[in-house]
Amino acid sequence: MGRADVAASIGSVGDALDNALMESTIGLYKTELIKPQRPWRTLSEVEPATAEWADWYNHRRLHGEIGHVPPAEYEASYYLTATKHLVTVTT
């Protein structure tokens, strides 16, 4: 334990960037889904709404930082481009 009796993070170096991205996503989730639709009465209401939001966020929501395309489309394009040079066609 540290001087303030606080345990150090168990993450690895560089996790601060991952944490910032996750905190940003959680903030959007709360702003776009959780807060506008309150009050949530049961977990069985929140779970399917969360799954629908995550699907929309990844497959239909346009993200300005990645060229105004959904993350799933951006990722597919990235891997297609990154692996294109690995394919060799011989006749």
PDB file of N, CA and C in Angstrom:
ATOM      1  N   MET A   1       0.833  -1.192   0.000  1.00  0.00           N
ATOM      2  CA  MET A   1       0.000   0.000   0.000  1.00  0.00           C
ATOM      3  C   MET A   1       0.876   1.254   0.000  1.00  0.00           C
ATOM      4  N   GLY A   2       0.339   2.309  -0.609  1.00  0.00           N
ATOM      5  CA  GLY A   2       1.057   3.570  -0.682  1.00  0.00           C
ATOM      6  C   GLY A   2       0.912   4.364   0.588  1.00  0.00           C
ATOM      7  N   ARG A   3       1.427   5.581   0.549  1.00  0.00           N
ATOM      8  CA  ARG A   3       1.393   6.446   1.735  1.00  0.00           C
ATOM      9  C   ARG A   3      -0.030   6.750   2.177  1.00  0.00           C
ATOM     10  N   ALA A   4      -0.962   6.771   1.247  1.00  0.00           N
ATOM     11  CA  ALA A   4      -2.352   7.073   1.596  1.00  0.00           C
ATOM     12  C   ALA A   4      -3.179   5.803   1.752  1.00  0.00           C
ATOM     13  N   ASP A   5      -2.485   4.661   1.869  1.00  0.00           N
ATOM     14  CA  ASP A   5      -3.151   3.364   1.975  1.00  0.00           C
ATOM     15  C   ASP A   5      -4.048   3.078   0.778  1.00  0.00           C
ATOM     16  N   VAL A   6      -3.583   3.464  -0.400  1.00  0.00           N
ATOM     17  CA  VAL A   6      -4.300   3.210  -1.635  1.00  0.00           C
ATOM     18  C   VAL A   6      -3.463   2.242  -2.456  1.00  0.00           C
ATOM     19  N   ALA A   7      -4.087   1.158  -2.914  1.00  0.00           N
ATOM     20  CA  ALA A   7      -3.361   0.175  -3.705  1.00  0.00           C
ATOM     21  C   ALA A   7      -3.069   0.733  -5.090  1.00  0.00           C
ATOM     22  N   ALA A   8      -1.913   0.401  -5.618  1.00  0.00           N
ATOM     23  CA  ALA A   8      -1.543   0.825  -6.960  1.00  0.00           C
ATOM     24  C   ALA A   8      -2.411   0.121  -7.988  1.00  0.00           C
ATOM     25  N   SER A   9      -2.506   0.712  -9.158  1.00  0.00           N
ATOM     26  CA  SER A   9      -3.261   0.108 -10.251  1.00  0.00           C
ATOM     27  C   SER A   9      -2.635  -1.231 -10.627  1.00  0.00           C
ATOM     28  N   ILE A  10      -3.470  -2.184 -10.991  1.00  0.00           N
ATOM     29  CA  ILE A  10      -2.933  -3.479 -11.417  1.00  0.00           C
ATOM     30  C   ILE A  10      -2.773  -3.539 -12.927  1.00  0.00           C
ATOM     31  N   GLY A  11      -3.067  -2.432 -13.609  1.00  0.00           N
ATOM     32  CA  GLY A  11      -2.938  -2.388 -15.064  1.00  0.00           C
ATOM     33  C   GLY A  11      -1.487  -2.272 -15.489  1.00  0.00           C
ATOM     34  N   SER A  12      -1.266  -2.439 -16.758  1.00  0.00           N
ATOM     35  CA  SER A  12       0.079  -2.316 -17.301  1.00  0.00           C
ATOM     36  C   SER A  12       0.310  -0.897 -17.805  1.00  0.00           C
ATOM     37  N   VAL A  13       1.542  -0.610 -18.175  1.00  0.00           N
ATOM     38  CA  VAL A  13       1.896   0.695 -18.696  1.00  0.00           C
ATOM     39  C   VAL A  13       1.067   0.966 -19.956  1.00  0.00           C
ATOM     40  N   GLY A  14       0.562   2.163 -20.086  1.00  0.00           N
ATOM     41  CA  GLY A  14      -0.235   2.531 -21.246  1.00  0.00           C
ATOM     42  C   GLY A  14      -1.727   2.362 -21.047  1.00  0.00           C
ATOM     43  N   ASP A  15      -2.133   1.815 -19.926  1.00  0.00           N
ATOM     44  CA  ASP A  15      -3.553   1.598 -19.694  1.00  0.00           C
ATOM     45  C   ASP A  15      -4.331   2.894 -19.518  1.00  0.00           C
ATOM     46  N   ALA A  16      -3.651   3.991 -19.218  1.00  0.00           N
ATOM     47  CA  ALA A  16      -4.363   5.256 -19.046  1.00  0.00           C
ATOM     48  C   ALA A  16      -5.120   5.629 -20.316  1.00  0.00           C
ATOM     49  N   LEU A  17      -4.529   5.338 -21.470  1.00  0.00           N
ATOM     50  CA  LEU A  17      -5.216   5.633 -22.722  1.00  0.00           C
ATOM     51  C   LEU A  17      -6.443   4.747 -22.880  1.00  0.00           C
ATOM     52  N   ASP A  18      -6.307   3.473 -22.546  1.00  0.00           N
ATOM     53  CA  ASP A  18      -7.452   2.573 -22.607  1.00  0.00           C
ATOM     54  C   ASP A  18      -8.531   3.022 -21.635  1.00  0.00           C
ATOM     55  N   ASN A  19      -8.136   3.442 -20.450  1.00  0.00           N
ATOM     56  CA  ASN A  19      -9.103   3.902 -19.457  1.00  0.00           C
ATOM     57  C   ASN A  19      -9.825   5.149 -19.937  1.00  0.00           C
ATOM     58  N   ALA A  20      -9.114   6.066 -20.566  1.00  0.00           N
ATOM     59  CA  ALA A  20      -9.738   7.293 -21.060  1.00  0.00           C
ATOM     60  C   ALA A  20     -10.774   6.962 -22.133  1.00  0.00           C
ATOM     61  N   LEU A  21     -10.452   6.061 -23.025  1.00  0.00           N
ATOM     62  CA  LEU A  21     -11.402   5.666 -24.065  1.00  0.00           C
ATOM     63  C   LEU A  21     -12.634   5.021 -23.437  1.00  0.00           C
ATOM     64  N   MET A  22     -12.403   4.138 -22.472  1.00  0.00           N
ATOM     65  CA  MET A  22     -13.535   3.461 -21.834  1.00  0.00           C
ATOM     66  C   MET A  22     -14.393   4.455 -21.057  1.00  0.00           C
ATOM     67  N   GLU A  23     -13.758   5.381 -20.343  1.00  0.00           N
ATOM     68  CA  GLU A  23     -14.512   6.377 -19.593  1.00  0.00           C
ATOM     69  C   GLU A  23     -15.323   7.265 -20.530  1.00  0.00           C
ATOM     70  N   SER A  24     -14.768   7.599 -21.683  1.00  0.00           N
ATOM     71  CA  SER A  24     -15.491   8.396 -22.672  1.00  0.00           C
ATOM     72  C   SER A  24     -16.704   7.631 -23.197  1.00  0.00           C
ATOM     73  N   THR A  25     -16.525   6.357 -23.485  1.00  0.00           N
ATOM     74  CA  THR A  25     -17.626   5.523 -23.985  1.00  0.00           C
ATOM     75  C   THR A  25     -18.705   5.366 -22.929  1.00  0.00           C
ATOM     76  N   ILE A  26     -18.306   5.158 -21.695  1.00  0.00           N
ATOM     77  CA  ILE A  26     -19.284   5.034 -20.607  1.00  0.00           C
ATOM     78  C   ILE A  26     -20.059   6.335 -20.449  1.00  0.00           C
ATOM     79  N   GLY A  27     -19.373   7.463 -20.591  1.00  0.00           N
ATOM     80  CA  GLY A  27     -20.044   8.758 -20.513  1.00  0.00           C
ATOM     81  C   GLY A  27     -21.088   8.915 -21.608  1.00  0.00           C
ATOM     82  N   LEU A  28     -20.737   8.513 -22.837  1.00  0.00           N
ATOM     83  CA  LEU A  28     -21.706   8.566 -23.937  1.00  0.00           C
ATOM     84  C   LEU A  28     -22.889   7.648 -23.663  1.00  0.00           C
ATOM     85  N   TYR A  29     -22.609   6.449 -23.185  1.00  0.00           N
ATOM     86  CA  TYR A  29     -23.645   5.466 -22.863  1.00  0.00           C
ATOM     87  C   TYR A  29     -24.637   6.049 -21.853  1.00  0.00           C
ATOM     88  N   LYS A  30     -24.105   6.652 -20.813  1.00  0.00           N
ATOM     89  CA  LYS A  30     -24.979   7.242 -19.798  1.00  0.00           C
ATOM     90  C   LYS A  30     -25.782   8.418 -20.359  1.00  0.00           C
ATOM     91  N   THR A  31     -25.110   9.260 -21.156  1.00  0.00           N
ATOM     92  CA  THR A  31     -25.766  10.444 -21.706  1.00  0.00           C
ATOM     93  C   THR A  31     -26.815  10.096 -22.745  1.00  0.00           C
ATOM     94  N   GLU A  32     -26.504   9.105 -23.602  1.00  0.00           N
ATOM     95  CA  GLU A  32     -27.386   8.786 -24.719  1.00  0.00           C
ATOM     96  C   GLU A  32     -28.474   7.769 -24.386  1.00  0.00           C
ATOM     97  N   LEU A  33     -28.247   6.929 -23.395  1.00  0.00           N
ATOM     98  CA  LEU A  33     -29.220   5.877 -23.104  1.00  0.00           C
ATOM     99  C   LEU A  33     -29.755   5.924 -21.679  1.00  0.00           C
ATOM    100  N   ILE A  34     -28.877   5.854 -20.708  1.00  0.00           N
ATOM    101  CA  ILE A  34     -29.310   5.656 -19.326  1.00  0.00           C
ATOM    102  C   ILE A  34     -30.083   6.856 -18.774  1.00  0.00           C
ATOM    103  N   LYS A  35     -29.507   8.047 -18.852  1.00  0.00           N
ATOM    104  CA  LYS A  35     -30.159   9.226 -18.251  1.00  0.00           C
ATOM    105  C   LYS A  35     -31.457   9.621 -18.945  1.00  0.00           C
ATOM    106  N   PRO A  36     -31.521   9.646 -20.279  1.00  0.00           N
ATOM    107  CA  PRO A  36     -32.768  10.070 -20.929  1.00  0.00           C
ATOM    108  C   PRO A  36     -33.949   9.128 -20.680  1.00  0.00           C
ATOM    109  N   GLN A  37     -33.705   7.868 -20.429  1.00  0.00           N
ATOM    110  CA  GLN A  37     -34.804   6.906 -20.301  1.00  0.00           C
ATOM    111  C   GLN A  37     -35.120   6.520 -18.867  1.00  0.00           C
ATOM    112  N   ARG A  38     -34.621   7.277 -17.897  1.00  0.00           N
ATOM    113  CA  ARG A  38     -34.933   6.915 -16.523  1.00  0.00           C
ATOM    114  C   ARG A  38     -36.398   7.155 -16.233  1.00  0.00           C
ATOM    115  N   PRO A  39     -36.927   6.563 -15.243  1.00  0.00           N
ATOM    116  CA  PRO A  39     -36.281   5.653 -14.312  1.00  0.00           C
ATOM    117  C   PRO A  39     -36.283   4.216 -14.831  1.00  0.00           C
ATOM    118  N   TRP A  40     -35.153   3.568 -14.683  1.00  0.00           N
ATOM    119  CA  TRP A  40     -35.047   2.141 -15.001  1.00  0.00           C
ATOM    120  C   TRP A  40     -35.524   1.396 -13.759  1.00  0.00           C
ATOM    121  N   ARG A  41     -36.435   0.484 -13.925  1.00  0.00           N
ATOM    122  CA  ARG A  41     -36.991  -0.211 -12.772  1.00  0.00           C
ATOM    123  C   ARG A  41     -36.305  -1.540 -12.488  1.00  0.00           C
ATOM    124  N   THR A  42     -35.841  -2.219 -13.529  1.00  0.00           N
ATOM    125  CA  THR A  42     -35.227  -3.530 -13.323  1.00  0.00           C
ATOM    126  C   THR A  42     -34.029  -3.701 -14.251  1.00  0.00           C
ATOM    127  N   LEU A  43     -33.174  -4.613 -13.875  1.00  0.00           N
ATOM    128  CA  LEU A  43     -32.031  -4.969 -14.707  1.00  0.00           C
ATOM    129  C   LEU A  43     -32.498  -5.552 -16.032  1.00  0.00           C
ATOM    130  N   SER A  44     -33.626  -6.242 -16.031  1.00  0.00           N
ATOM    131  CA  SER A  44     -34.135  -6.832 -17.271  1.00  0.00           C
ATOM    132  C   SER A  44     -34.597  -5.759 -18.269  1.00  0.00           C
ATOM    133  N   GLU A  45     -34.785  -4.532 -17.828  1.00  0.00           N
ATOM    134  CA  GLU A  45     -35.054  -3.421 -18.747  1.00  0.00           C
ATOM    135  C   GLU A  45     -33.750  -2.862 -19.323  1.00  0.00           C
ATOM    136  N   VAL A  46     -32.724  -2.792 -18.487  1.00  0.00           N
ATOM    137  CA  VAL A  46     -31.449  -2.184 -18.873  1.00  0.00           C
ATOM    138  C   VAL A  46     -30.652  -3.080 -19.813  1.00  0.00           C
ATOM    139  N   GLU A  47     -30.651  -4.372 -19.571  1.00  0.00           N
ATOM    140  CA  GLU A  47     -29.810  -5.281 -20.361  1.00  0.00           C
ATOM    141  C   GLU A  47     -30.118  -5.262 -21.860  1.00  0.00           C
ATOM    142  N   PRO A  48     -31.359  -5.448 -22.297  1.00  0.00           N
ATOM    143  CA  PRO A  48     -31.605  -5.417 -23.745  1.00  0.00           C
ATOM    144  C   PRO A  48     -31.399  -4.024 -24.342  1.00  0.00           C
ATOM    145  N   ALA A  49     -31.713  -2.976 -23.574  1.00  0.00           N
ATOM    146  CA  ALA A  49     -31.490  -1.612 -24.069  1.00  0.00           C
ATOM    147  C   ALA A  49     -29.997  -1.366 -24.267  1.00  0.00           C
ATOM    148  N   THR A  50     -29.179  -1.890 -23.368  1.00  0.00           N
ATOM    149  CA  THR A  50     -27.730  -1.748 -23.488  1.00  0.00           C
ATOM    150  C   THR A  50     -27.218  -2.497 -24.714  1.00  0.00           C
ATOM    151  N   ALA A  51     -27.714  -3.703 -24.944  1.00  0.00           N
ATOM    152  CA  ALA A  51     -27.296  -4.480 -26.116  1.00  0.00           C
ATOM    153  C   ALA A  51     -27.678  -3.755 -27.403  1.00  0.00           C
ATOM    154  N   GLU A  52     -28.859  -3.184 -27.444  1.00  0.00           N
ATOM    155  CA  GLU A  52     -29.298  -2.433 -28.631  1.00  0.00           C
ATOM    156  C   GLU A  52     -28.435  -1.194 -28.840  1.00  0.00           C
ATOM    157  N   TRP A  53     -28.117  -0.476 -27.746  1.00  0.00           N
ATOM    158  CA  TRP A  53     -27.281   0.715 -27.841  1.00  0.00           C
ATOM    159  C   TRP A  53     -25.882   0.349 -28.331  1.00  0.00           C
ATOM    160  N   ALA A  54     -25.304  -0.720 -27.791  1.00  0.00           N
ATOM    161  CA  ALA A  54     -23.964  -1.142 -28.202  1.00  0.00           C
ATOM    162  C   ALA A  54     -23.945  -1.534 -29.677  1.00  0.00           C
ATOM    163  N   ASP A  55     -24.992  -2.210 -30.143  1.00  0.00           N
ATOM    164  CA  ASP A  55     -25.080  -2.570 -31.559  1.00  0.00           C
ATOM    165  C   ASP A  55     -25.161  -1.314 -32.419  1.00  0.00           C
ATOM    166  N   TRP A  56     -26.012  -0.379 -32.041  1.00  0.00           N
ATOM    167  CA  TRP A  56     -26.138   0.885 -32.775  1.00  0.00           C
ATOM    168  C   TRP A  56     -24.812   1.641 -32.762  1.00  0.00           C
ATOM    169  N   TYR A  57     -24.181   1.739 -31.592  1.00  0.00           N
ATOM    170  CA  TYR A  57     -22.929   2.481 -31.437  1.00  0.00           C
ATOM    171  C   TYR A  57     -21.832   1.905 -32.340  1.00  0.00           C
ATOM    172  N   ASN A  58     -21.757   0.602 -32.449  1.00  0.00           N
ATOM    173  CA  ASN A  58     -20.693  -0.039 -33.217  1.00  0.00           C
ATOM    174  C   ASN A  58     -20.990  -0.185 -34.701  1.00  0.00           C
ATOM    175  N   HIS A  59     -22.259  -0.250 -35.078  1.00  0.00           N
ATOM    176  CA  HIS A  59     -22.599  -0.571 -36.473  1.00  0.00           C
ATOM    177  C   HIS A  59     -23.305   0.541 -37.249  1.00  0.00           C
ATOM    178  N   ARG A  60     -23.874   1.541 -36.565  1.00  0.00           N
ATOM    179  CA  ARG A  60     -24.613   2.575 -37.276  1.00  0.00           C
ATOM    180  C   ARG A  60     -24.246   3.999 -36.884  1.00  0.00           C
ATOM    181  N   ARG A  61     -23.727   4.215 -35.710  1.00  0.00           N
ATOM    182  CA  ARG A  61     -23.373   5.577 -35.261  1.00  0.00           C
ATOM    183  C   ARG A  61     -22.132   6.048 -36.003  1.00  0.00           C
ATOM    184  N   LEU A  62     -22.199   7.232 -36.594  1.00  0.00           N
ATOM    185  CA  LEU A  62     -21.079   7.781 -37.344  1.00  0.00           C
ATOM    186  C   LEU A  62     -20.135   8.511 -36.387  1.00  0.00           C
ATOM    187  N   HIS A  63     -18.850   8.185 -36.471  1.00  0.00           N
ATOM    188  CA  HIS A  63     -17.842   8.759 -35.581  1.00  0.00           C
ATOM    189  C   HIS A  63     -16.935   9.705 -36.363  1.00  0.00           C
ATOM    190  N   GLY A  64     -16.918  10.965 -35.974  1.00  0.00           N
ATOM    191  CA  GLY A  64     -16.136  11.977 -36.662  1.00  0.00           C
ATOM    192  C   GLY A  64     -14.642  11.731 -36.633  1.00  0.00           C
ATOM    193  N   GLU A  65     -14.132  11.162 -35.558  1.00  0.00           N
ATOM    194  CA  GLU A  65     -12.689  10.953 -35.433  1.00  0.00           C
ATOM    195  C   GLU A  65     -12.171   9.856 -36.356  1.00  0.00           C
ATOM    196  N   ILE A  66     -13.045   9.068 -36.917  1.00  0.00           N
ATOM    197  CA  ILE A  66     -12.595   7.978 -37.802  1.00  0.00           C
ATOM    198  C   ILE A  66     -13.224   8.092 -39.189  1.00  0.00           C
ATOM    199  N   GLY A  67     -13.467   9.327 -39.617  1.00  0.00           N
ATOM    200  CA  GLY A  67     -13.949   9.547 -40.977  1.00  0.00           C
ATOM    201  C   GLY A  67     -15.450   9.451 -41.169  1.00  0.00           C
ATOM    202  N   HIS A  68     -16.195   9.658 -40.100  1.00  0.00           N
ATOM    203  CA  HIS A  68     -17.668   9.626 -40.146  1.00  0.00           C
ATOM    204  C   HIS A  68     -18.196   8.276 -40.642  1.00  0.00           C
ATOM    205  N   VAL A  69     -17.617   7.218 -40.116  1.00  0.00           N
ATOM    206  CA  VAL A  69     -18.094   5.859 -40.374  1.00  0.00           C
ATOM    207  C   VAL A  69     -18.263   5.162 -39.029  1.00  0.00           C
ATOM    208  N   PRO A  70     -19.078   4.120 -38.969  1.00  0.00           N
ATOM    209  CA  PRO A  70     -19.226   3.364 -37.726  1.00  0.00           C
ATOM    210  C   PRO A  70     -17.936   2.586 -37.401  1.00  0.00           C
ATOM    211  N   PRO A  71     -17.665   2.323 -36.130  1.00  0.00           N
ATOM    212  CA  PRO A  71     -16.452   1.606 -35.749  1.00  0.00           C
ATOM    213  C   PRO A  71     -16.287   0.252 -36.434  1.00  0.00           C
ATOM    214  N   ALA A  72     -17.357  -0.509 -36.585  1.00  0.00           N
ATOM    215  CA  ALA A  72     -17.246  -1.830 -37.213  1.00  0.00           C
ATOM    216  C   ALA A  72     -16.781  -1.704 -38.664  1.00  0.00           C
ATOM    217  N   GLU A  73     -17.289  -0.704 -39.367  1.00  0.00           N
ATOM    218  CA  GLU A  73     -16.883  -0.478 -40.760  1.00  0.00           C
ATOM    219  C   GLU A  73     -15.415  -0.040 -40.824  1.00  0.00           C
ATOM    220  N   TYR A  74     -15.022   0.850 -39.919  1.00  0.00           N
ATOM    221  CA  TYR A  74     -13.636   1.323 -39.872  1.00  0.00           C
ATOM    222  C   TYR A  74     -12.681   0.164 -39.586  1.00  0.00           C
ATOM    223  N   GLU A  75     -13.038  -0.673 -38.627  1.00  0.00           N
ATOM    224  CA  GLU A  75     -12.194  -1.809 -38.266  1.00  0.00           C
ATOM    225  C   GLU A  75     -12.069  -2.799 -39.428  1.00  0.00           C
ATOM    226  N   ALA A  76     -13.169  -3.097 -40.095  1.00  0.00           N
ATOM    227  CA  ALA A  76     -13.140  -4.015 -41.236  1.00  0.00           C
ATOM    228  C   ALA A  76     -12.246  -3.466 -42.339  1.00  0.00           C
ATOM    229  N   SER A  77     -12.354  -2.167 -42.599  1.00  0.00           N
ATOM    230  CA  SER A  77     -11.528  -1.528 -43.622  1.00  0.00           C
ATOM    231  C   SER A  77     -10.054  -1.574 -43.233  1.00  0.00           C
ATOM    232  N   TYR A  78      -9.778  -1.332 -41.972  1.00  0.00           N
ATOM    233  CA  TYR A  78      -8.397  -1.363 -41.481  1.00  0.00           C
ATOM    234  C   TYR A  78      -7.777  -2.735 -41.714  1.00  0.00           C
ATOM    235  N   TYR A  79      -8.478  -3.785 -41.292  1.00  0.00           N
ATOM    236  CA  TYR A  79      -7.919  -5.127 -41.435  1.00  0.00           C
ATOM    237  C   TYR A  79      -7.827  -5.561 -42.895  1.00  0.00           C
ATOM    238  N   LEU A  80      -8.752  -5.118 -43.725  1.00  0.00           N
ATOM    239  CA  LEU A  80      -8.676  -5.420 -45.147  1.00  0.00           C
ATOM    240  C   LEU A  80      -7.422  -4.781 -45.740  1.00  0.00           C
ATOM    241  N   THR A  81      -7.178  -3.535 -45.396  1.00  0.00           N
ATOM    242  CA  THR A  81      -5.998  -2.818 -45.891  1.00  0.00           C
ATOM    243  C   THR A  81      -4.715  -3.398 -45.300  1.00  0.00           C
ATOM    244  N   ALA A  82      -4.728  -3.709 -44.021  1.00  0.00           N
ATOM    245  CA  ALA A  82      -3.519  -4.190 -43.335  1.00  0.00           C
ATOM    246  C   ALA A  82      -3.106  -5.581 -43.833  1.00  0.00           C
ATOM    247  N   THR A  83      -4.054  -6.374 -44.253  1.00  0.00           N
ATOM    248  CA  THR A  83      -3.734  -7.742 -44.667  1.00  0.00           C
ATOM    249  C   THR A  83      -3.677  -7.908 -46.176  1.00  0.00           C
ATOM    250  N   LYS A  84      -3.976  -6.850 -46.911  1.00  0.00           N
ATOM    251  CA  LYS A  84      -4.008  -6.937 -48.373  1.00  0.00           C
ATOM    252  C   LYS A  84      -2.673  -7.392 -48.948  1.00  0.00           C
ATOM    253  N   HIS A  85      -1.581  -6.893 -48.400  1.00  0.00           N
ATOM    254  CA  HIS A  85      -0.265  -7.250 -48.916  1.00  0.00           C
ATOM    255  C   HIS A  85       0.118  -8.708 -48.604  1.00  0.00           C
ATOM    256  N   LEU A  86      -0.608  -9.350 -47.728  1.00  0.00           N
ATOM    257  CA  LEU A  86      -0.311 -10.729 -47.369  1.00  0.00           C
ATOM    258  C   LEU A  86      -0.873 -11.735 -48.374  1.00  0.00           C
ATOM    259  N   VAL A  87      -1.787 -11.297 -49.214  1.00  0.00           N
ATOM    260  CA  VAL A  87      -2.419 -12.179 -50.174  1.00  0.00           C
ATOM    261  C   VAL A  87      -1.602 -12.172 -51.470  1.00  0.00           C
ATOM    262  N   THR A  88      -1.198 -13.355 -51.887  1.00  0.00           N
ATOM    263  CA  THR A  88      -0.442 -13.490 -53.120  1.00  0.00           C
ATOM    264  C   THR A  88      -1.214 -14.357 -54.077  1.00  0.00           C
ATOM    265  N   VAL A  89      -1.398 -13.881 -55.289  1.00  0.00           N
ATOM    266  CA  VAL A  89      -2.121 -14.631 -56.298  1.00  0.00           C
ATOM    267  C   VAL A  89      -1.098 -15.167 -57.297  1.00  0.00           C
ATOM    268  N   THR A  90      -1.108 -16.467 -57.495  1.00  0.00           N
ATOM    269  CA  THR A  90      -0.205 -17.066 -58.484  1.00  0.00           C
ATOM    270  C   THR A  90      -1.039 -17.831 -59.504  1.00  0.00           C
ATOM    271  N   THR A  91      -0.521 -17.897 -60.716  1.00  0.00           N
ATOM    272  CA  THR A  91      -1.250 -18.641 -61.774  1.00  0.00           C
ATOM    273  C   THR A  91      -0.418 -19.765 -62.296  1.00  0.00           C
TER     274      THR A  91
END
